[in-house]
């Protein structure tokens, strides 16, 4: 099972993903894209992905942690570009 959340913060689009593993553990990752890259002229949009190293037991907990990380990184500009 996979769940997604999308939002924009500061100058980034944030894509949060939660994946339920076979052993019932949830994993998460966050992908950032620059809003400025989303223009009519561009067809290739670069992104930067970060994974959360912790394991989670439920969907709400993992998505909350992913969104918290995305907000923090986007607000500080520490997304890896």
C-alpha atoms as a PDB file:
ATOM      1  CA  UNK A   1       0.000   0.000   0.000  1.00  0.00           C
ATOM      2  CA  UNK A   2       1.242   3.498  -0.881  1.00  0.00           C
ATOM      3  CA  UNK A   3      -0.060   6.888   0.279  1.00  0.00           C
ATOM      4  CA  UNK A   4       0.900  10.320  -1.006  1.00  0.00           C
ATOM      5  CA  UNK A   5       0.592  13.903   0.173  1.00  0.00           C
ATOM      6  CA  UNK A   6       1.481  16.971  -1.878  1.00  0.00           C
ATOM      7  CA  UNK A   7       1.871  20.616  -0.857  1.00  0.00           C
ATOM      8  CA  UNK A   8       3.956  23.653  -1.664  1.00  0.00           C
ATOM      9  CA  UNK A   9       6.144  25.461   0.826  1.00  0.00           C
ATOM     10  CA  UNK A  10       8.481  28.389   0.243  1.00  0.00           C
ATOM     11  CA  UNK A  11       9.922  27.929  -3.253  1.00  0.00           C
ATOM     12  CA  UNK A  12       9.376  24.158  -3.448  1.00  0.00           C
ATOM     13  CA  UNK A  13       6.736  21.604  -4.297  1.00  0.00           C
ATOM     14  CA  UNK A  14       6.867  18.792  -1.711  1.00  0.00           C
ATOM     15  CA  UNK A  15       5.798  15.224  -2.455  1.00  0.00           C
ATOM     16  CA  UNK A  16       5.534  12.954   0.597  1.00  0.00           C
ATOM     17  CA  UNK A  17       5.250   9.193   0.113  1.00  0.00           C
ATOM     18  CA  UNK A  18       4.509   6.443   2.635  1.00  0.00           C
ATOM     19  CA  UNK A  19       4.926   2.768   1.707  1.00  0.00           C
ATOM     20  CA  UNK A  20       3.740  -0.213   3.716  1.00  0.00           C
ATOM     21  CA  UNK A  21       6.325  -2.990   3.592  1.00  0.00           C
ATOM     22  CA  UNK A  22       5.622  -6.725   3.633  1.00  0.00           C
ATOM     23  CA  UNK A  23       6.479  -6.899   7.339  1.00  0.00           C
ATOM     24  CA  UNK A  24       3.787  -4.240   8.115  1.00  0.00           C
ATOM     25  CA  UNK A  25       6.404  -1.560   8.711  1.00  0.00           C
ATOM     26  CA  UNK A  26       5.879   1.808   7.022  1.00  0.00           C
ATOM     27  CA  UNK A  27       8.712   3.673   5.270  1.00  0.00           C
ATOM     28  CA  UNK A  28       8.663   7.245   3.987  1.00  0.00           C
ATOM     29  CA  UNK A  29      10.385   9.541   1.548  1.00  0.00           C
ATOM     30  CA  UNK A  30      10.068  13.161   0.495  1.00  0.00           C
ATOM     31  CA  UNK A  31      10.761  14.631  -2.945  1.00  0.00           C
ATOM     32  CA  UNK A  32      11.361  18.320  -3.604  1.00  0.00           C
ATOM     33  CA  UNK A  33      10.987  20.180  -6.884  1.00  0.00           C
ATOM     34  CA  UNK A  34      11.666  23.875  -7.434  1.00  0.00           C
ATOM     35  CA  UNK A  35       8.533  25.853  -8.265  1.00  0.00           C
ATOM     36  CA  UNK A  36      10.649  27.959 -10.625  1.00  0.00           C
ATOM     37  CA  UNK A  37      11.339  24.850 -12.743  1.00  0.00           C
ATOM     38  CA  UNK A  38       7.626  24.420 -13.519  1.00  0.00           C
ATOM     39  CA  UNK A  39       7.410  26.630 -16.586  1.00  0.00           C
ATOM     40  CA  UNK A  40       5.898  26.122 -20.025  1.00  0.00           C
ATOM     41  CA  UNK A  41       9.380  25.958 -21.573  1.00  0.00           C
ATOM     42  CA  UNK A  42      10.754  23.173 -19.377  1.00  0.00           C
ATOM     43  CA  UNK A  43      10.002  19.523 -19.966  1.00  0.00           C
ATOM     44  CA  UNK A  44      12.591  18.082 -17.564  1.00  0.00           C
ATOM     45  CA  UNK A  45      11.960  18.850 -13.890  1.00  0.00           C
ATOM     46  CA  UNK A  46      14.744  17.890 -11.535  1.00  0.00           C
ATOM     47  CA  UNK A  47      13.896  16.684  -8.058  1.00  0.00           C
ATOM     48  CA  UNK A  48      15.742  15.829  -4.888  1.00  0.00           C
ATOM     49  CA  UNK A  49      14.570  12.903  -2.750  1.00  0.00           C
ATOM     50  CA  UNK A  50      15.191  12.257   0.943  1.00  0.00           C
ATOM     51  CA  UNK A  51      14.253   9.100   2.797  1.00  0.00           C
ATOM     52  CA  UNK A  52      13.327   8.861   6.440  1.00  0.00           C
ATOM     53  CA  UNK A  53      15.474   6.234   8.139  1.00  0.00           C
ATOM     54  CA  UNK A  54      12.968   5.391  10.885  1.00  0.00           C
ATOM     55  CA  UNK A  55      10.334   2.642  10.735  1.00  0.00           C
ATOM     56  CA  UNK A  56       6.728   3.496  11.523  1.00  0.00           C
ATOM     57  CA  UNK A  57       3.763   1.338  12.547  1.00  0.00           C
ATOM     58  CA  UNK A  58       0.865   3.275  10.995  1.00  0.00           C
ATOM     59  CA  UNK A  59       0.036   5.416   7.984  1.00  0.00           C
ATOM     60  CA  UNK A  60      -0.850   8.602   9.865  1.00  0.00           C
ATOM     61  CA  UNK A  61       2.389   8.571  11.853  1.00  0.00           C
ATOM     62  CA  UNK A  62       4.597   8.061   8.805  1.00  0.00           C
ATOM     63  CA  UNK A  63       2.877  10.732   6.686  1.00  0.00           C
ATOM     64  CA  UNK A  64       3.030  13.196   9.572  1.00  0.00           C
ATOM     65  CA  UNK A  65       6.778  12.606   9.963  1.00  0.00           C
ATOM     66  CA  UNK A  66       7.343  12.964   6.214  1.00  0.00           C
ATOM     67  CA  UNK A  67       5.387  16.222   6.062  1.00  0.00           C
ATOM     68  CA  UNK A  68       7.244  17.598   9.094  1.00  0.00           C
ATOM     69  CA  UNK A  69      10.575  16.842   7.406  1.00  0.00           C
ATOM     70  CA  UNK A  70       9.414  18.403   4.141  1.00  0.00           C
ATOM     71  CA  UNK A  71       8.228  21.588   5.855  1.00  0.00           C
ATOM     72  CA  UNK A  72      11.431  21.957   7.852  1.00  0.00           C
ATOM     73  CA  UNK A  73      13.712  21.384   4.862  1.00  0.00           C
ATOM     74  CA  UNK A  74      11.700  23.621   2.516  1.00  0.00           C
ATOM     75  CA  UNK A  75      11.571  26.487   5.027  1.00  0.00           C
ATOM     76  CA  UNK A  76      15.332  26.370   5.608  1.00  0.00           C
ATOM     77  CA  UNK A  77      16.180  25.649   1.968  1.00  0.00           C
ATOM     78  CA  UNK A  78      18.064  22.503   3.003  1.00  0.00           C
ATOM     79  CA  UNK A  79      16.689  20.245   0.273  1.00  0.00           C
ATOM     80  CA  UNK A  80      19.947  19.226  -1.410  1.00  0.00           C
ATOM     81  CA  UNK A  81      19.934  21.211  -4.629  1.00  0.00           C
END
